[in-house]
Amino acid sequence: DPASRLATARALSPETASTSLGTVPGLGEVTGNEMLAM
């Protein structure tokens, strides 16, 4: 699901996740700044 960096960060965070993608590797909370650092 192509999206912006911020939308991707929100989709990976457990509180606002839209799929299990963030939980499979055990990422936990993901922020927009972390996506920029990545």
All heavy atoms as atom14 arrays in JSON, in Angstrom:
{
  "sequence": "DPASRLATARALSPETASTSLGTVPGLGEVTGNEMLAM",
  "atom14_mask": [
    [1, 1, 1, 1, 1, 1, 1, 1, 0, 0, 0, 0, 0, 0],
    [1, 1, 1, 1, 1, 1, 1, 0, 0, 0, 0, 0, 0, 0],
    [1, 1, 1, 1, 1, 0, 0, 0, 0, 0, 0, 0, 0, 0],
    [1, 1, 1, 1, 1, 1, 0, 0, 0, 0, 0, 0, 0, 0],
    [1, 1, 1, 1, 1, 1, 1, 1, 1, 1, 1, 0, 0, 0],
    [1, 1, 1, 1, 1, 1, 1, 1, 0, 0, 0, 0, 0, 0],
    [1, 1, 1, 1, 1, 0, 0, 0, 0, 0, 0, 0, 0, 0],
    [1, 1, 1, 1, 1, 1, 1, 0, 0, 0, 0, 0, 0, 0],
    [1, 1, 1, 1, 1, 0, 0, 0, 0, 0, 0, 0, 0, 0],
    [1, 1, 1, 1, 1, 1, 1, 1, 1, 1, 1, 0, 0, 0],
    [1, 1, 1, 1, 1, 0, 0, 0, 0, 0, 0, 0, 0, 0],
    [1, 1, 1, 1, 1, 1, 1, 1, 0, 0, 0, 0, 0, 0],
    [1, 1, 1, 1, 1, 1, 0, 0, 0, 0, 0, 0, 0, 0],
    [1, 1, 1, 1, 1, 1, 1, 0, 0, 0, 0, 0, 0, 0],
    [1, 1, 1, 1, 1, 1, 1, 1, 1, 0, 0, 0, 0, 0],
    [1, 1, 1, 1, 1, 1, 1, 0, 0, 0, 0, 0, 0, 0],
    [1, 1, 1, 1, 1, 0, 0, 0, 0, 0, 0, 0, 0, 0],
    [1, 1, 1, 1, 1, 1, 0, 0, 0, 0, 0, 0, 0, 0],
    [1, 1, 1, 1, 1, 1, 1, 0, 0, 0, 0, 0, 0, 0],
    [1, 1, 1, 1, 1, 1, 0, 0, 0, 0, 0, 0, 0, 0],
    [1, 1, 1, 1, 1, 1, 1, 1, 0, 0, 0, 0, 0, 0],
    [1, 1, 1, 1, 0, 0, 0, 0, 0, 0, 0, 0, 0, 0],
    [1, 1, 1, 1, 1, 1, 1, 0, 0, 0, 0, 0, 0, 0],
    [1, 1, 1, 1, 1, 1, 1, 0, 0, 0, 0, 0, 0, 0],
    [1, 1, 1, 1, 1, 1, 1, 0, 0, 0, 0, 0, 0, 0],
    [1, 1, 1, 1, 0, 0, 0, 0, 0, 0, 0, 0, 0, 0],
    [1, 1, 1, 1, 1, 1, 1, 1, 0, 0, 0, 0, 0, 0],
    [1, 1, 1, 1, 0, 0, 0, 0, 0, 0, 0, 0, 0, 0],
    [1, 1, 1, 1, 1, 1, 1, 1, 1, 0, 0, 0, 0, 0],
    [1, 1, 1, 1, 1, 1, 1, 0, 0, 0, 0, 0, 0, 0],
    [1, 1, 1, 1, 1, 1, 1, 0, 0, 0, 0, 0, 0, 0],
    [1, 1, 1, 1, 0, 0, 0, 0, 0, 0, 0, 0, 0, 0],
    [1, 1, 1, 1, 1, 1, 1, 1, 0, 0, 0, 0, 0, 0],
    [1, 1, 1, 1, 1, 1, 1, 1, 1, 0, 0, 0, 0, 0],
    [1, 1, 1, 1, 1, 1, 1, 1, 0, 0, 0, 0, 0, 0],
    [1, 1, 1, 1, 1, 1, 1, 1, 0, 0, 0, 0, 0, 0],
    [1, 1, 1, 1, 1, 0, 0, 0, 0, 0, 0, 0, 0, 0],
    [1, 1, 1, 1, 1, 1, 1, 1, 0, 0, 0, 0, 0, 0]
  ],
  "atom14_positions": [
    [[0.85, -1.18, 0.0], [0.0, 0.0, 0.0], [0.89, 1.23, 0.0], [1.25, 1.74, 1.07], [-0.91, -0.02, 1.23], [-1.92, 1.11, 1.23], [-2.23, 1.62, 0.14], [-2.39, 1.48, 2.33], [0.0, 0.0, 0.0], [0.0, 0.0, 0.0], [0.0, 0.0, 0.0], [0.0, 0.0, 0.0], [0.0, 0.0, 0.0], [0.0, 0.0, 0.0]],
    [[1.29, 1.73, -1.18], [2.19, 2.88, -1.23], [1.6, 4.09, -0.49], [0.43, 4.42, -0.67], [2.33, 3.17, -2.72], [1.91, 1.93, -3.41], [0.92, 1.26, -2.5], [0.0, 0.0, 0.0], [0.0, 0.0, 0.0], [0.0, 0.0, 0.0], [0.0, 0.0, 0.0], [0.0, 0.0, 0.0], [0.0, 0.0, 0.0], [0.0, 0.0, 0.0]],
    [[2.43, 4.7, 0.34], [1.98, 5.86, 1.12], [3.2, 6.7, 1.48], [4.34, 6.31, 1.22], [1.26, 5.41, 2.38], [0.0, 0.0, 0.0], [0.0, 0.0, 0.0], [0.0, 0.0, 0.0], [0.0, 0.0, 0.0], [0.0, 0.0, 0.0], [0.0, 0.0, 0.0], [0.0, 0.0, 0.0], [0.0, 0.0, 0.0], [0.0, 0.0, 0.0]],
    [[2.96, 7.84, 2.1], [4.05, 8.71, 2.52], [4.81, 8.09, 3.69], [4.38, 7.09, 4.27], [3.48, 10.07, 2.94], [2.71, 9.91, 4.13], [0.0, 0.0, 0.0], [0.0, 0.0, 0.0], [0.0, 0.0, 0.0], [0.0, 0.0, 0.0], [0.0, 0.0, 0.0], [0.0, 0.0, 0.0], [0.0, 0.0, 0.0], [0.0, 0.0, 0.0]],
    [[5.94, 8.7, 4.05], [6.74, 8.21, 5.17], [5.95, 8.24, 6.47], [5.98, 7.29, 7.24], [8.02, 9.04, 5.33], [9.01, 8.84, 4.2], [10.26, 9.64, 4.47], [9.98, 11.08, 4.61], [10.06, 11.97, 3.63], [10.41, 11.58, 2.44], [9.81, 13.25, 3.84], [0.0, 0.0, 0.0], [0.0, 0.0, 0.0], [0.0, 0.0, 0.0]],
    [[5.24, 9.33, 6.7], [4.47, 9.45, 7.93], [3.32, 8.44, 7.96], [3.08, 7.81, 8.99], [3.92, 10.87, 8.07], [3.14, 11.17, 9.35], [4.01, 10.9, 10.57], [2.65, 12.6, 9.35], [0.0, 0.0, 0.0], [0.0, 0.0, 0.0], [0.0, 0.0, 0.0], [0.0, 0.0, 0.0], [0.0, 0.0, 0.0], [0.0, 0.0, 0.0]],
    [[2.65, 8.25, 6.84], [1.56, 7.27, 6.78], [2.1, 5.85, 6.98], [1.47, 5.02, 7.63], [0.81, 7.38, 5.45], [0.0, 0.0, 0.0], [0.0, 0.0, 0.0], [0.0, 0.0, 0.0], [0.0, 0.0, 0.0], [0.0, 0.0, 0.0], [0.0, 0.0, 0.0], [0.0, 0.0, 0.0], [0.0, 0.0, 0.0], [0.0, 0.0, 0.0]],
    [[3.28, 5.58, 6.42], [3.9, 4.27, 6.61], [4.26, 4.06, 8.07], [4.05, 2.98, 8.63], [5.14, 4.13, 5.72], [4.74, 4.3, 4.36], [5.79, 2.77, 5.89], [0.0, 0.0, 0.0], [0.0, 0.0, 0.0], [0.0, 0.0, 0.0], [0.0, 0.0, 0.0], [0.0, 0.0, 0.0], [0.0, 0.0, 0.0], [0.0, 0.0, 0.0]],
    [[4.82, 5.09, 8.71], [5.16, 4.99, 10.13], [3.91, 4.71, 10.96], [3.92, 3.88, 11.87], [5.84, 6.27, 10.61], [0.0, 0.0, 0.0], [0.0, 0.0, 0.0], [0.0, 0.0, 0.0], [0.0, 0.0, 0.0], [0.0, 0.0, 0.0], [0.0, 0.0, 0.0], [0.0, 0.0, 0.0], [0.0, 0.0, 0.0], [0.0, 0.0, 0.0]],
    [[2.82, 5.37, 10.64], [1.57, 5.14, 11.37], [1.03, 3.74, 11.12], [0.47, 3.11, 12.01], [0.53, 6.17, 10.99], [0.83, 7.53, 11.56], [-0.22, 8.53, 11.21], [0.11, 9.84, 11.77], [-0.32, 10.97, 11.3], [-1.11, 10.99, 10.24], [0.02, 12.11, 11.86], [0.0, 0.0, 0.0], [0.0, 0.0, 0.0], [0.0, 0.0, 0.0]],
    [[1.18, 3.26, 9.89], [0.69, 1.92, 9.55], [1.52, 0.83, 10.22], [1.03, -0.29, 10.41], [0.69, 1.72, 8.04], [0.0, 0.0, 0.0], [0.0, 0.0, 0.0], [0.0, 0.0, 0.0], [0.0, 0.0, 0.0], [0.0, 0.0, 0.0], [0.0, 0.0, 0.0], [0.0, 0.0, 0.0], [0.0, 0.0, 0.0], [0.0, 0.0, 0.0]],
    [[2.76, 1.12, 10.59], [3.62, 0.14, 11.25], [3.47, 0.15, 12.77], [3.77, -0.84, 13.43], [5.09, 0.39, 10.89], [5.47, 0.16, 9.43], [6.91, 0.58, 9.18], [5.26, -1.28, 9.04], [0.0, 0.0, 0.0], [0.0, 0.0, 0.0], [0.0, 0.0, 0.0], [0.0, 0.0, 0.0], [0.0, 0.0, 0.0], [0.0, 0.0, 0.0]],
    [[3.03, 1.26, 13.34], [2.89, 1.37, 14.8], [1.71, 0.54, 15.27], [0.66, 0.52, 14.63], [2.69, 2.83, 15.2], [3.86, 3.55, 14.94], [0.0, 0.0, 0.0], [0.0, 0.0, 0.0], [0.0, 0.0, 0.0], [0.0, 0.0, 0.0], [0.0, 0.0, 0.0], [0.0, 0.0, 0.0], [0.0, 0.0, 0.0], [0.0, 0.0, 0.0]],
    [[1.85, -0.12, 16.41], [0.78, -1.01, 16.89], [-0.55, -0.31, 17.17], [-1.6, -0.88, 16.94], [1.33, -1.62, 18.18], [2.74, -1.2, 18.29], [3.02, -0.16, 17.28], [0.0, 0.0, 0.0], [0.0, 0.0, 0.0], [0.0, 0.0, 0.0], [0.0, 0.0, 0.0], [0.0, 0.0, 0.0], [0.0, 0.0, 0.0], [0.0, 0.0, 0.0]],
    [[-0.51, 0.91, 17.66], [-1.75, 1.61, 18.02], [-2.59, 1.98, 16.79], [-3.81, 2.0, 16.87], [-1.43, 2.88, 18.81], [-0.88, 2.6, 20.18], [-1.87, 1.87, 21.08], [-3.05, 2.23, 21.06], [-1.45, 0.92, 21.76], [0.0, 0.0, 0.0], [0.0, 0.0, 0.0], [0.0, 0.0, 0.0], [0.0, 0.0, 0.0], [0.0, 0.0, 0.0]],
    [[-1.93, 2.27, 15.67], [-2.63, 2.73, 14.48], [-2.42, 1.81, 13.29], [-2.65, 2.2, 12.15], [-2.17, 4.15, 14.12], [-0.74, 4.14, 13.98], [-2.57, 5.14, 15.18], [0.0, 0.0, 0.0], [0.0, 0.0, 0.0], [0.0, 0.0, 0.0], [0.0, 0.0, 0.0], [0.0, 0.0, 0.0], [0.0, 0.0, 0.0], [0.0, 0.0, 0.0]],
    [[-1.96, 0.58, 13.53], [-1.61, -0.34, 12.44], [-2.83, -0.72, 11.62], [-3.94, -0.85, 12.14], [-0.97, -1.6, 13.02], [0.0, 0.0, 0.0], [0.0, 0.0, 0.0], [0.0, 0.0, 0.0], [0.0, 0.0, 0.0], [0.0, 0.0, 0.0], [0.0, 0.0, 0.0], [0.0, 0.0, 0.0], [0.0, 0.0, 0.0], [0.0, 0.0, 0.0]],
    [[-2.58, -0.91, 10.32], [-3.65, -1.36, 9.43], [-3.44, -2.81, 9.01], [-4.35, -3.43, 8.47], [-3.71, -0.46, 8.2], [-2.47, -0.45, 7.54], [0.0, 0.0, 0.0], [0.0, 0.0, 0.0], [0.0, 0.0, 0.0], [0.0, 0.0, 0.0], [0.0, 0.0, 0.0], [0.0, 0.0, 0.0], [0.0, 0.0, 0.0], [0.0, 0.0, 0.0]],
    [[-2.23, -3.35, 9.23], [-1.92, -4.76, 8.94], [-1.0, -5.28, 10.05], [-0.62, -4.55, 10.95], [-1.19, -4.92, 7.59], [0.09, -4.28, 7.67], [-1.99, -4.34, 6.45], [0.0, 0.0, 0.0], [0.0, 0.0, 0.0], [0.0, 0.0, 0.0], [0.0, 0.0, 0.0], [0.0, 0.0, 0.0], [0.0, 0.0, 0.0], [0.0, 0.0, 0.0]],
    [[-0.61, -6.53, 9.92], [0.3, -7.13, 10.91], [1.76, -6.87, 10.59], [2.64, -7.43, 11.24], [0.06, -8.64, 10.97], [0.39, -9.22, 9.72], [0.0, 0.0, 0.0], [0.0, 0.0, 0.0], [0.0, 0.0, 0.0], [0.0, 0.0, 0.0], [0.0, 0.0, 0.0], [0.0, 0.0, 0.0], [0.0, 0.0, 0.0], [0.0, 0.0, 0.0]],
    [[2.04, -6.01, 9.62], [3.41, -5.79, 9.17], [4.34, -5.3, 10.27], [5.49, -5.7, 10.34], [3.42, -4.8, 8.0], [4.78, -4.45, 7.4], [5.48, -5.71, 6.93], [4.61, -3.49, 6.25], [0.0, 0.0, 0.0], [0.0, 0.0, 0.0], [0.0, 0.0, 0.0], [0.0, 0.0, 0.0], [0.0, 0.0, 0.0], [0.0, 0.0, 0.0]],
    [[3.88, -4.45, 11.15], [4.73, -3.94, 12.23], [4.98, -4.95, 13.33], [6.01, -4.91, 14.01], [0.0, 0.0, 0.0], [0.0, 0.0, 0.0], [0.0, 0.0, 0.0], [0.0, 0.0, 0.0], [0.0, 0.0, 0.0], [0.0, 0.0, 0.0], [0.0, 0.0, 0.0], [0.0, 0.0, 0.0], [0.0, 0.0, 0.0], [0.0, 0.0, 0.0]],
    [[4.06, -5.88, 13.51], [4.2, -6.85, 14.59], [5.04, -8.06, 14.2], [5.63, -8.69, 15.08], [2.82, -7.34, 15.07], [2.14, -7.94, 13.98], [2.0, -6.21, 15.63], [0.0, 0.0, 0.0], [0.0, 0.0, 0.0], [0.0, 0.0, 0.0], [0.0, 0.0, 0.0], [0.0, 0.0, 0.0], [0.0, 0.0, 0.0], [0.0, 0.0, 0.0]],
    [[5.1, -8.4, 12.92], [5.86, -9.58, 12.49], [7.35, -9.43, 12.84], [7.92, -10.32, 13.46], [5.64, -9.88, 10.99], [6.57, -10.97, 10.5], [4.19, -10.27, 10.75], [0.0, 0.0, 0.0], [0.0, 0.0, 0.0], [0.0, 0.0, 0.0], [0.0, 0.0, 0.0], [0.0, 0.0, 0.0], [0.0, 0.0, 0.0], [0.0, 0.0, 0.0]],
    [[8.01, -8.33, 12.47], [9.42, -8.19, 12.89], [9.55, -7.63, 14.3], [10.66, -7.48, 14.8], [10.01, -7.22, 11.86], [8.86, -6.44, 11.35], [7.65, -7.31, 11.49], [0.0, 0.0, 0.0], [0.0, 0.0, 0.0], [0.0, 0.0, 0.0], [0.0, 0.0, 0.0], [0.0, 0.0, 0.0], [0.0, 0.0, 0.0], [0.0, 0.0, 0.0]],
    [[8.46, -7.32, 14.96], [8.5, -6.8, 16.33], [9.02, -5.38, 16.41], [9.84, -5.06, 17.27], [0.0, 0.0, 0.0], [0.0, 0.0, 0.0], [0.0, 0.0, 0.0], [0.0, 0.0, 0.0], [0.0, 0.0, 0.0], [0.0, 0.0, 0.0], [0.0, 0.0, 0.0], [0.0, 0.0, 0.0], [0.0, 0.0, 0.0], [0.0, 0.0, 0.0]],
    [[8.54, -4.51, 15.56], [9.04, -3.14, 15.5], [8.57, -2.28, 16.67], [9.28, -1.39, 17.11], [8.62, -2.47, 14.19], [9.25, -3.04, 12.93], [8.68, -2.36, 11.71], [10.75, -2.88, 12.98], [0.0, 0.0, 0.0], [0.0, 0.0, 0.0], [0.0, 0.0, 0.0], [0.0, 0.0, 0.0], [0.0, 0.0, 0.0], [0.0, 0.0, 0.0]],
    [[7.39, -2.52, 17.17], [6.87, -1.66, 18.23], [6.45, -0.32, 17.67], [6.02, -0.19, 16.53], [0.0, 0.0, 0.0], [0.0, 0.0, 0.0], [0.0, 0.0, 0.0], [0.0, 0.0, 0.0], [0.0, 0.0, 0.0], [0.0, 0.0, 0.0], [0.0, 0.0, 0.0], [0.0, 0.0, 0.0], [0.0, 0.0, 0.0], [0.0, 0.0, 0.0]],
    [[6.59, 0.73, 18.49], [6.2, 2.09, 18.08], [7.18, 2.62, 17.04], [8.39, 2.56, 17.23], [6.18, 3.0, 19.3], [5.55, 4.34, 19.06], [4.07, 4.25, 18.76], [3.4, 3.34, 19.27], [3.59, 5.09, 17.98], [0.0, 0.0, 0.0], [0.0, 0.0, 0.0], [0.0, 0.0, 0.0], [0.0, 0.0, 0.0], [0.0, 0.0, 0.0]],
    [[6.68, 3.14, 15.93], [7.51, 3.71, 14.86], [7.09, 5.16, 14.66], [5.91, 5.46, 14.52], [7.33, 2.92, 13.54], [8.17, 3.52, 12.43], [7.68, 1.45, 13.73], [0.0, 0.0, 0.0], [0.0, 0.0, 0.0], [0.0, 0.0, 0.0], [0.0, 0.0, 0.0], [0.0, 0.0, 0.0], [0.0, 0.0, 0.0], [0.0, 0.0, 0.0]],
    [[8.08, 6.05, 14.63], [7.78, 7.48, 14.46], [8.23, 7.94, 13.07], [9.0, 7.25, 12.4], [8.53, 8.31, 15.52], [9.93, 8.17, 15.31], [8.15, 7.89, 16.92], [0.0, 0.0, 0.0], [0.0, 0.0, 0.0], [0.0, 0.0, 0.0], [0.0, 0.0, 0.0], [0.0, 0.0, 0.0], [0.0, 0.0, 0.0], [0.0, 0.0, 0.0]],
    [[7.74, 9.1, 12.69], [8.14, 9.68, 11.4], [9.62, 10.01, 11.38], [10.29, 9.83, 10.35], [0.0, 0.0, 0.0], [0.0, 0.0, 0.0], [0.0, 0.0, 0.0], [0.0, 0.0, 0.0], [0.0, 0.0, 0.0], [0.0, 0.0, 0.0], [0.0, 0.0, 0.0], [0.0, 0.0, 0.0], [0.0, 0.0, 0.0], [0.0, 0.0, 0.0]],
    [[10.18, 10.48, 12.5], [11.62, 10.78, 12.57], [12.45, 9.52, 12.41], [13.53, 9.55, 11.82], [11.96, 11.48, 13.89], [11.43, 12.89, 13.92], [11.18, 13.49, 12.88], [11.26, 13.42, 15.13], [0.0, 0.0, 0.0], [0.0, 0.0, 0.0], [0.0, 0.0, 0.0], [0.0, 0.0, 0.0], [0.0, 0.0, 0.0], [0.0, 0.0, 0.0]],
    [[11.95, 8.42, 12.93], [12.66, 7.15, 12.77], [12.69, 6.72, 11.31], [13.68, 6.15, 10.84], [11.96, 6.08, 13.62], [12.9, 5.24, 14.41], [12.16, 4.29, 15.34], [10.93, 4.31, 15.44], [12.87, 3.51, 15.97], [0.0, 0.0, 0.0], [0.0, 0.0, 0.0], [0.0, 0.0, 0.0], [0.0, 0.0, 0.0], [0.0, 0.0, 0.0]],
    [[11.61, 6.96, 10.6], [11.57, 6.64, 9.17], [12.58, 7.5, 8.4], [13.25, 7.01, 7.49], [10.16, 6.84, 8.61], [9.13, 5.87, 9.14], [9.48, 4.16, 8.74], [9.02, 4.11, 7.03], [0.0, 0.0, 0.0], [0.0, 0.0, 0.0], [0.0, 0.0, 0.0], [0.0, 0.0, 0.0], [0.0, 0.0, 0.0], [0.0, 0.0, 0.0]],
    [[12.69, 8.77, 8.78], [13.69, 9.64, 8.14], [15.1, 9.16, 8.45], [15.97, 9.16, 7.57], [13.5, 11.08, 8.6], [12.26, 11.79, 8.05], [12.09, 13.15, 8.72], [12.35, 11.95, 6.55], [0.0, 0.0, 0.0], [0.0, 0.0, 0.0], [0.0, 0.0, 0.0], [0.0, 0.0, 0.0], [0.0, 0.0, 0.0], [0.0, 0.0, 0.0]],
    [[15.34, 8.74, 9.68], [16.66, 8.22, 10.06], [16.97, 6.94, 9.28], [18.11, 6.72, 8.86], [16.72, 7.96, 11.56], [0.0, 0.0, 0.0], [0.0, 0.0, 0.0], [0.0, 0.0, 0.0], [0.0, 0.0, 0.0], [0.0, 0.0, 0.0], [0.0, 0.0, 0.0], [0.0, 0.0, 0.0], [0.0, 0.0, 0.0], [0.0, 0.0, 0.0]],
    [[15.95, 6.1, 9.07], [16.15, 4.88, 8.29], [16.51, 5.21, 6.85], [17.38, 4.57, 6.25], [14.87, 4.03, 8.35], [14.92, 2.73, 7.57], [14.35, 2.84, 5.86], [12.71, 3.46, 6.03], [0.0, 0.0, 0.0], [0.0, 0.0, 0.0], [0.0, 0.0, 0.0], [0.0, 0.0, 0.0], [0.0, 0.0, 0.0], [0.0, 0.0, 0.0]]
  ]
}
